[in-house]
Protein backbone atom coordinates (compact mmCIF):
# COMPACT_ATOMS: atom_id res chain seq x y z
CA MET A 1 83.95 -61.57 -39.99
CA THR A 2 87.68 -61.88 -40.73
CA ALA A 3 88.85 -62.67 -37.18
CA PRO A 4 86.82 -65.89 -36.66
CA ILE A 5 87.76 -67.06 -40.16
CA ARG A 6 91.41 -66.26 -39.59
CA ASP A 7 91.38 -68.23 -36.33
CA ALA A 8 90.78 -71.40 -38.37
CA PHE A 9 94.23 -71.03 -40.00
CA PRO A 10 97.05 -71.63 -37.48
CA VAL A 11 99.81 -70.50 -39.86
CA LEU A 12 98.34 -66.98 -39.89
CA ALA A 13 98.85 -66.57 -36.14
CA ARG A 14 102.56 -65.86 -36.70
CA ALA A 15 103.40 -62.31 -35.69
CA GLY A 16 104.52 -60.12 -38.57
CA PHE A 17 103.40 -62.56 -41.24
CA HIS A 18 101.05 -61.30 -43.96
CA TYR A 19 99.97 -63.88 -46.52
CA LEU A 20 98.81 -62.33 -49.80
CA ASP A 21 99.58 -65.20 -52.17
CA SER A 22 96.33 -67.16 -51.99
CA ALA A 23 95.82 -67.12 -55.76
CA ALA A 24 98.84 -69.41 -55.97
CA MET A 25 97.98 -71.55 -52.96
CA ALA A 26 95.47 -70.93 -50.20
CA GLN A 27 96.23 -71.88 -46.62
CA LEU A 28 94.64 -74.87 -44.88
CA PRO A 29 92.08 -74.57 -42.11
CA SER A 30 92.69 -76.85 -39.14
CA ALA A 31 89.63 -78.93 -39.98
CA VAL A 32 91.16 -79.98 -43.30
CA VAL A 33 94.52 -80.91 -41.78
CA GLU A 34 92.75 -82.96 -39.12
CA ALA A 35 90.47 -84.69 -41.62
CA VAL A 36 93.36 -85.81 -43.82
CA ALA A 37 95.36 -87.03 -40.83
CA HIS A 38 92.37 -88.89 -39.44
CA HIS A 39 91.75 -90.59 -42.77
CA ASP A 40 95.35 -91.73 -43.15
CA LEU A 41 95.43 -93.02 -39.59
CA SER A 42 92.11 -94.85 -39.67
CA ALA A 43 91.02 -95.53 -43.25
CA ARG A 44 94.09 -95.65 -45.47
CA ALA A 45 93.26 -98.15 -48.21
CA ASN A 46 92.60 -98.26 -51.91
CA VAL A 47 89.02 -97.59 -52.93
CA HIS A 48 86.40 -99.67 -54.73
CA ARG A 49 88.62 -102.74 -54.76
CA GLY A 50 88.71 -104.19 -51.26
CA LEU A 51 86.34 -105.92 -48.86
CA HIS A 52 88.22 -105.49 -45.61
CA GLU A 53 87.38 -102.94 -42.93
CA LEU A 54 89.84 -100.21 -43.97
CA ALA A 55 88.74 -100.53 -47.59
CA ARG A 56 85.10 -100.06 -46.62
CA ARG A 57 86.04 -96.96 -44.61
CA ALA A 58 88.02 -95.62 -47.54
CA ASP A 59 85.09 -96.19 -49.89
CA ASP A 60 82.76 -94.30 -47.59
CA ALA A 61 85.22 -91.43 -47.17
CA TYR A 62 85.92 -91.11 -50.90
CA ASP A 63 82.29 -91.36 -51.95
CA GLY A 64 81.37 -88.91 -49.20
CA ALA A 65 83.94 -86.44 -50.49
CA ARG A 66 82.39 -86.63 -53.95
CA GLN A 67 79.00 -85.86 -52.43
CA ARG A 68 80.42 -82.81 -50.64
CA VAL A 69 81.96 -81.48 -53.84
CA ALA A 70 78.67 -82.04 -55.67
CA ARG A 71 76.77 -80.04 -53.05
CA PHE A 72 79.25 -77.18 -53.39
CA LEU A 73 78.64 -77.16 -57.16
CA SER A 74 74.85 -77.68 -56.94
CA ALA A 75 75.50 -80.83 -58.95
CA GLU A 76 75.03 -84.57 -58.82
CA ALA A 77 77.80 -86.83 -57.54
CA ASP A 78 78.20 -88.67 -60.86
CA GLU A 79 79.04 -85.34 -62.51
CA VAL A 80 82.13 -84.89 -60.32
CA VAL A 81 85.44 -86.31 -61.57
CA PHE A 82 88.39 -86.27 -59.19
CA THR A 83 91.74 -85.50 -60.81
CA GLY A 84 95.27 -84.74 -59.67
CA GLY A 85 94.68 -81.00 -60.01
CA CYS A 86 93.09 -78.31 -62.16
CA THR A 87 95.81 -78.65 -64.79
CA LEU A 88 95.08 -82.35 -65.21
CA ALA A 89 91.34 -81.65 -65.28
CA LEU A 90 91.78 -79.15 -68.11
CA ASN A 91 94.06 -81.55 -69.99
CA ILE A 92 91.45 -84.29 -69.69
CA ALA A 93 88.82 -81.88 -71.03
CA ALA A 94 91.02 -80.95 -73.99
CA LEU A 95 92.02 -84.51 -74.83
CA ALA A 96 88.47 -85.85 -74.56
CA LEU A 97 86.81 -83.06 -76.54
CA GLY A 98 89.73 -82.87 -78.97
CA GLU A 99 89.41 -86.53 -79.94
CA LYS A 100 86.90 -85.64 -82.66
CA LEU A 101 88.47 -82.36 -83.78
CA GLY A 102 90.44 -81.93 -86.96
CA PRO A 103 91.23 -79.60 -89.86
CA GLY A 104 88.55 -76.98 -90.38
CA ASP A 105 87.51 -76.96 -86.71
CA ARG A 106 88.16 -74.07 -84.36
CA VAL A 107 88.81 -73.78 -80.62
CA VAL A 108 88.36 -70.33 -79.12
CA VAL A 109 90.39 -69.43 -76.05
CA SER A 110 91.32 -65.98 -74.72
CA ALA A 111 94.39 -63.85 -74.22
CA ALA A 112 93.72 -63.98 -70.47
CA GLU A 113 94.16 -67.73 -70.07
CA HIS A 114 96.45 -69.43 -67.60
CA HIS A 115 98.79 -71.75 -69.47
CA SER A 116 96.81 -74.72 -68.15
CA ASN A 117 93.80 -73.73 -70.25
CA LEU A 118 95.86 -72.76 -73.29
CA LEU A 119 98.77 -75.13 -73.82
CA PRO A 120 96.70 -78.36 -73.97
CA TRP A 121 94.75 -76.92 -76.90
CA LEU A 122 97.84 -75.55 -78.64
CA MET A 123 99.76 -78.82 -78.36
CA LEU A 124 96.76 -80.90 -79.42
CA SER A 125 96.13 -78.65 -82.42
CA GLN A 126 99.61 -79.45 -83.73
CA ARG A 127 98.64 -83.13 -83.97
CA LYS A 128 95.00 -82.80 -84.94
CA GLY A 129 95.16 -79.85 -87.30
CA PHE A 130 92.39 -77.69 -85.85
CA GLU A 131 92.70 -73.93 -85.34
CA VAL A 132 93.17 -72.18 -81.98
CA VAL A 133 92.24 -68.49 -81.84
CA SER A 134 92.06 -66.04 -78.93
CA LEU A 135 89.48 -63.53 -77.81
CA PRO A 136 91.34 -60.25 -77.14
CA VAL A 137 91.49 -58.29 -73.88
CA ASP A 138 91.16 -54.57 -73.31
CA GLY A 139 93.67 -52.36 -71.51
CA ASP A 140 92.34 -53.50 -68.12
CA GLY A 141 92.78 -57.16 -68.99
CA ARG A 142 89.05 -57.82 -69.39
CA LEU A 143 87.88 -60.06 -72.19
CA ARG A 144 86.43 -58.06 -75.05
CA LEU A 145 83.06 -59.60 -75.72
CA ASP A 146 81.69 -56.89 -78.01
CA ASP A 147 82.67 -58.98 -81.04
CA LEU A 148 82.17 -62.73 -80.76
CA SER A 149 82.44 -63.44 -84.49
CA LEU A 150 85.20 -65.98 -83.77
CA ILE A 151 82.54 -68.18 -82.21
CA ASP A 152 81.03 -69.21 -85.53
CA GLY A 153 79.94 -72.36 -87.32
CA ARG A 154 83.50 -73.70 -87.31
CA CYS A 155 83.85 -73.30 -83.55
CA ARG A 156 83.64 -76.55 -81.64
CA VAL A 157 84.96 -75.50 -78.21
CA VAL A 158 85.24 -72.27 -76.22
CA ALA A 159 87.74 -72.58 -73.35
CA VAL A 160 87.99 -69.58 -71.02
CA THR A 161 88.84 -68.61 -67.48
CA HIS A 162 86.05 -67.74 -65.06
CA ALA A 163 88.33 -65.14 -63.48
CA SER A 164 91.85 -64.06 -64.38
CA ASN A 165 94.63 -65.12 -62.05
CA VAL A 166 96.44 -61.86 -62.93
CA THR A 167 93.83 -59.11 -63.07
CA GLY A 168 91.02 -60.65 -61.05
CA ALA A 169 88.62 -59.73 -63.86
CA VAL A 170 85.53 -61.96 -63.87
CA THR A 171 84.37 -63.31 -67.23
CA ASP A 172 80.74 -63.09 -68.31
CA ILE A 173 80.36 -66.86 -68.60
CA PRO A 174 76.61 -66.89 -69.37
CA ARG A 175 77.17 -64.62 -72.37
CA LEU A 176 79.89 -66.89 -73.74
CA ALA A 177 77.74 -69.95 -73.04
CA GLU A 178 74.92 -68.46 -75.10
CA ALA A 179 77.26 -67.72 -77.99
CA ALA A 180 78.92 -71.14 -77.86
CA HIS A 181 75.71 -73.13 -77.61
CA ALA A 182 74.13 -71.14 -80.44
CA VAL A 183 76.65 -72.73 -82.83
CA GLY A 184 76.74 -76.13 -81.12
CA ALA A 185 80.09 -75.57 -79.38
CA LYS A 186 81.01 -76.76 -75.90
CA LEU A 187 82.10 -74.36 -73.15
CA VAL A 188 85.05 -75.33 -70.92
CA VAL A 189 85.65 -73.08 -67.92
CA ASP A 190 88.77 -72.78 -65.77
CA GLY A 191 87.34 -72.01 -62.34
CA ALA A 192 90.60 -72.21 -60.37
CA GLN A 193 90.44 -68.58 -59.23
CA MET A 194 86.67 -68.26 -58.85
CA VAL A 195 85.94 -71.25 -56.63
CA PRO A 196 87.97 -69.97 -53.62
CA HIS A 197 85.55 -67.04 -53.38
CA GLY A 198 82.38 -69.00 -52.83
CA PRO A 199 80.19 -71.83 -54.19
CA VAL A 200 79.52 -71.88 -57.92
CA ASP A 201 76.84 -73.53 -60.05
CA PRO A 202 78.47 -74.51 -63.37
CA ARG A 203 75.24 -75.76 -64.90
CA ALA A 204 73.42 -72.51 -64.15
CA LEU A 205 76.33 -70.56 -65.64
CA GLY A 206 76.00 -72.51 -68.88
CA ALA A 207 79.30 -74.36 -68.65
CA ASP A 208 79.64 -77.83 -70.13
CA LEU A 209 82.88 -78.66 -68.30
CA TYR A 210 84.22 -76.78 -65.27
CA ALA A 211 87.58 -77.35 -63.57
CA PHE A 212 89.15 -76.17 -60.34
CA ALA A 213 92.04 -76.94 -58.00
CA GLY A 214 91.90 -78.09 -54.40
CA HIS A 215 94.98 -76.23 -53.22
CA LYS A 216 93.49 -72.87 -54.14
CA ALA A 217 90.21 -73.73 -52.40
CA TYR A 218 91.63 -74.31 -48.88
CA GLY A 219 92.19 -77.98 -49.62
CA PRO A 220 95.22 -80.25 -50.07
CA THR A 221 97.58 -80.27 -52.99
CA GLY A 222 97.35 -83.02 -55.61
CA ILE A 223 93.58 -82.88 -55.98
CA GLY A 224 91.36 -81.18 -58.54
CA VAL A 225 87.86 -81.50 -59.94
CA LEU A 226 86.43 -81.70 -63.42
CA TRP A 227 82.69 -81.19 -63.33
CA GLY A 228 80.76 -82.10 -66.46
CA ARG A 229 77.18 -82.28 -67.60
CA ARG A 230 76.14 -85.89 -67.13
CA GLU A 231 75.05 -86.27 -70.74
CA LEU A 232 78.37 -84.89 -72.02
CA LEU A 233 80.53 -87.02 -69.73
CA ALA A 234 78.68 -90.10 -70.96
CA GLU A 235 79.65 -89.22 -74.55
CA LEU A 236 83.30 -88.41 -73.93
CA PRO A 237 85.99 -91.09 -74.29
CA PRO A 238 88.42 -91.80 -71.47
CA VAL A 239 91.88 -90.39 -72.03
CA LEU A 240 93.73 -92.30 -69.29
CA TRP A 241 93.57 -96.07 -69.05
CA GLY A 242 94.31 -98.45 -66.21
CA GLY A 243 92.81 -99.92 -63.10
CA GLY A 244 89.63 -98.58 -61.58
CA MET A 245 88.11 -97.17 -64.77
CA VAL A 246 87.42 -100.25 -66.81
CA GLY A 247 84.73 -102.91 -66.72
CA VAL A 248 85.27 -105.71 -69.23
CA VAL A 249 88.82 -106.32 -70.48
CA GLY A 250 89.31 -108.68 -73.37
CA PRO A 251 92.40 -109.85 -75.23
CA THR A 252 92.17 -106.99 -77.75
CA ASP A 253 89.75 -104.45 -76.29
CA ALA A 254 88.30 -103.00 -73.10
CA GLU A 255 85.04 -101.38 -72.07
CA PRO A 256 85.32 -98.34 -69.78
CA LEU A 257 83.02 -97.80 -66.82
CA ASP A 258 80.39 -95.08 -66.74
CA PRO A 259 81.36 -91.57 -65.59
CA PRO A 260 82.84 -90.44 -63.37
CA GLU A 261 84.95 -93.58 -62.85
CA ARG A 262 85.94 -93.81 -66.52
CA PHE A 263 88.03 -90.66 -66.06
CA GLU A 264 89.72 -91.78 -62.82
CA ALA A 265 92.31 -94.32 -63.91
CA GLY A 266 94.62 -95.73 -61.25
CA THR A 267 94.62 -95.14 -57.52
CA PRO A 268 92.86 -91.83 -56.95
CA PRO A 269 94.02 -89.16 -54.46
CA VAL A 270 91.79 -90.51 -51.72
CA ALA A 271 93.05 -88.58 -48.68
CA GLN A 272 93.29 -85.40 -50.74
CA ALA A 273 89.69 -85.84 -51.89
CA VAL A 274 88.62 -86.24 -48.28
CA GLY A 275 90.44 -83.04 -47.40
CA LEU A 276 88.90 -81.16 -50.32
CA GLY A 277 85.44 -82.30 -49.32
CA VAL A 278 85.96 -80.92 -45.82
CA ALA A 279 87.40 -77.67 -47.22
CA LEU A 280 84.38 -77.10 -49.45
CA GLU A 281 82.02 -77.98 -46.63
CA TRP A 282 83.85 -75.39 -44.48
CA MET A 283 83.39 -72.86 -47.30
CA CYS A 284 79.68 -73.62 -47.51
CA GLY A 285 79.39 -72.67 -43.84
CA LEU A 286 80.68 -69.13 -44.38
CA ASP A 287 78.46 -66.06 -44.62
CA TRP A 288 79.48 -65.25 -48.18
CA PRO A 289 77.66 -61.91 -48.54
CA SER A 290 79.63 -60.68 -45.52
CA VAL A 291 82.85 -62.23 -46.81
CA HIS A 292 82.42 -60.60 -50.22
CA ALA A 293 81.70 -57.24 -48.61
CA ALA A 294 84.87 -57.52 -46.53
CA GLU A 295 86.96 -58.59 -49.54
CA LYS A 296 85.59 -55.69 -51.58
CA GLU A 297 86.43 -53.18 -48.86
CA LEU A 298 89.98 -54.51 -48.54
CA THR A 299 90.38 -54.41 -52.32
CA ARG A 300 89.18 -50.80 -52.32
CA ARG A 301 91.74 -49.92 -49.64
CA LEU A 302 94.50 -51.63 -51.56
CA LEU A 303 93.64 -49.95 -54.85
CA ALA A 304 93.44 -46.55 -53.16
CA GLY A 305 96.75 -47.13 -51.41
CA LEU A 306 98.50 -48.16 -54.60
CA ALA A 307 97.16 -45.07 -56.36
CA GLY A 308 98.91 -42.94 -53.76
CA LEU A 309 102.36 -44.42 -54.41
CA ASP A 310 104.65 -42.84 -56.98
CA GLY A 311 105.21 -44.81 -60.17
CA VAL A 312 102.74 -47.58 -59.38
CA ARG A 313 100.43 -48.84 -62.12
CA VAL A 314 97.62 -51.25 -61.35
CA VAL A 315 97.40 -54.12 -63.83
CA GLY A 316 93.74 -54.88 -64.34
CA PRO A 317 90.43 -53.22 -63.53
CA PRO A 318 90.90 -49.98 -61.55
CA ASP A 319 87.48 -50.36 -59.92
CA LEU A 320 85.54 -53.01 -58.00
CA GLU A 321 83.17 -53.98 -60.79
CA ALA A 322 83.13 -57.70 -61.69
CA ARG A 323 86.52 -58.46 -60.19
CA LEU A 324 87.99 -60.71 -57.54
CA PRO A 325 90.27 -59.45 -54.73
CA VAL A 326 93.31 -60.18 -56.89
CA VAL A 327 95.36 -57.02 -57.47
CA SER A 328 98.45 -56.91 -59.66
CA PHE A 329 100.72 -53.96 -60.23
CA VAL A 330 104.03 -52.76 -61.61
CA VAL A 331 106.33 -50.02 -60.40
CA ALA A 332 108.32 -47.93 -62.86
CA GLY A 333 112.01 -48.73 -62.62
CA CYS A 334 111.53 -51.72 -60.29
CA HIS A 335 111.61 -55.36 -61.34
CA PRO A 336 108.68 -57.44 -59.99
CA HIS A 337 111.06 -60.04 -58.55
CA ASP A 338 113.00 -57.39 -56.63
CA LEU A 339 109.80 -55.94 -55.21
CA SER A 340 108.52 -59.39 -54.20
CA HIS A 341 111.84 -60.20 -52.55
CA LEU A 342 111.93 -57.01 -50.50
CA LEU A 343 108.31 -57.44 -49.47
CA GLY A 344 109.06 -61.01 -48.43
CA GLU A 345 111.85 -59.77 -46.20
CA ARG A 346 109.25 -57.71 -44.34
CA GLY A 347 106.93 -60.70 -43.92
CA VAL A 348 104.62 -59.83 -46.80
CA ALA A 349 104.04 -62.83 -49.08
CA VAL A 350 103.18 -61.86 -52.67
CA ARG A 351 104.15 -63.25 -56.05
CA GLY A 352 106.07 -61.66 -58.89
CA GLY A 353 106.45 -62.79 -62.49
CA ALA A 354 104.29 -63.81 -65.43
CA HIS A 355 101.93 -65.96 -63.31
CA CYS A 356 101.74 -68.67 -65.99
CA ALA A 357 99.90 -66.20 -68.23
CA ARG A 358 102.55 -65.11 -70.73
CA PRO A 359 100.12 -64.19 -73.55
CA LEU A 360 98.34 -61.80 -71.18
CA MET A 361 101.66 -60.26 -70.15
CA VAL A 362 102.46 -59.65 -73.82
CA ALA A 363 99.00 -58.20 -74.50
CA LEU A 364 99.41 -55.76 -71.60
CA GLY A 365 102.99 -54.85 -72.48
CA LEU A 366 104.48 -56.42 -69.35
CA GLU A 367 107.56 -58.26 -70.55
CA GLU A 368 108.95 -58.55 -67.01
CA GLY A 369 105.63 -59.54 -65.50
CA CYS A 370 104.04 -57.93 -62.48
CA VAL A 371 103.57 -58.25 -58.73
CA ARG A 372 100.36 -59.92 -57.59
CA ALA A 373 98.66 -59.56 -54.22
CA SER A 374 95.75 -61.97 -53.79
CA LEU A 375 93.30 -61.69 -50.93
CA ALA A 376 91.16 -64.37 -49.30
CA PRO A 377 88.44 -64.54 -46.63
CA TYR A 378 91.17 -64.63 -43.96
CA THR A 379 92.89 -61.43 -45.15
CA ASN A 380 92.60 -58.43 -42.85
CA ARG A 381 93.41 -54.71 -42.86
CA ALA A 382 96.79 -55.29 -41.26
CA ASP A 383 97.80 -57.46 -44.21
CA VAL A 384 96.85 -54.77 -46.72
CA GLN A 385 98.57 -52.02 -44.73
CA ALA A 386 101.71 -54.11 -44.38
CA LEU A 387 101.80 -54.51 -48.15
CA LEU A 388 101.41 -50.79 -48.76
CA ASP A 389 104.04 -49.89 -46.15
CA GLY A 390 106.40 -52.54 -47.44
CA LEU A 391 105.94 -51.45 -51.02
CA ALA A 392 106.70 -47.82 -50.14
CA HIS A 393 109.91 -49.05 -48.45
CA ALA A 394 110.85 -51.23 -51.42
CA ILE A 395 110.41 -48.36 -53.85
CA ARG A 396 112.70 -46.18 -51.79
CA VAL A 397 115.34 -48.90 -51.68
CA LEU A 398 115.21 -49.74 -55.37
CA ARG A 399 115.23 -46.18 -56.54
């Protein structure tokens, strides 16, 4: 399975190069590169504002991209909002939902959140006066869902990650959805890490808003998606104003368009949306049961290999249960940046640091962060073995 998938990514053909940093940015299949180039060469124009030939082509391409994203999410096109990235999507969610929040209200996040799903709520709470509290994690970095008393009658929003970008631990979203909806709260899900590992159905999961990034899902940079239940999007106010999202404009007021346009102020990332649509269509064509089986086997090999190295501690679940192929670790006496640098010198691309998840680092006692190896459908055994060999070498050098 891996070889045909890998063939779609020209950058991976380089000898001695082992890319294990997909959680930060996935590589682009040729089809996406070609689709973006074709659009810019044949249909580069602003959308929904022109009547000339290029504008009509751009409209068709942009609207078609929205349809492709909707199919990937088992959703309707008018539930798909294009944004400049997952971070912007989560900020829009926070600003729109937070408009009606104030003193006495509560937003529940978790200790496992990426800063993008934490900081918008923290900063907004300083102005609006509501409370932000965190669900704790256990020693493996999994959310502790045995006590959900924080999700009570004061709770208005629960904002959590679908899967941790550090530990790979997958959150039980349906359970949180049940708890949130029981008290009338909305559930916002950061799907940036989950989406690259196959199609998702946010509505079936129980999410009210679901965000993800194009560059982690084999698409271009500068594009993200905020999916929302149609009825909720229709209730939410726009948080960005400008061209393209407004209908009637008077001397003292303006009337926004219906969703999704009301959340897409200004010139949207048209070419990037086209590329993302092609990327998700490419993903839909994969045999995901086989891909998941291959990813699980590679994760098993990696975990077993790390267990055999002196001084290595895996950060996150030690098993394959409810986890993505994202494996982080620390080595006693070795700084994560030094390890990442030495691995990079041997052609192994990983990432070291706090991974924009400082509260999780603190909860796990990792003040210096950790090294993260993130696998994708194009990862093969040679990549995993190169990491293990390179890590053994780095440990010898640093000690």
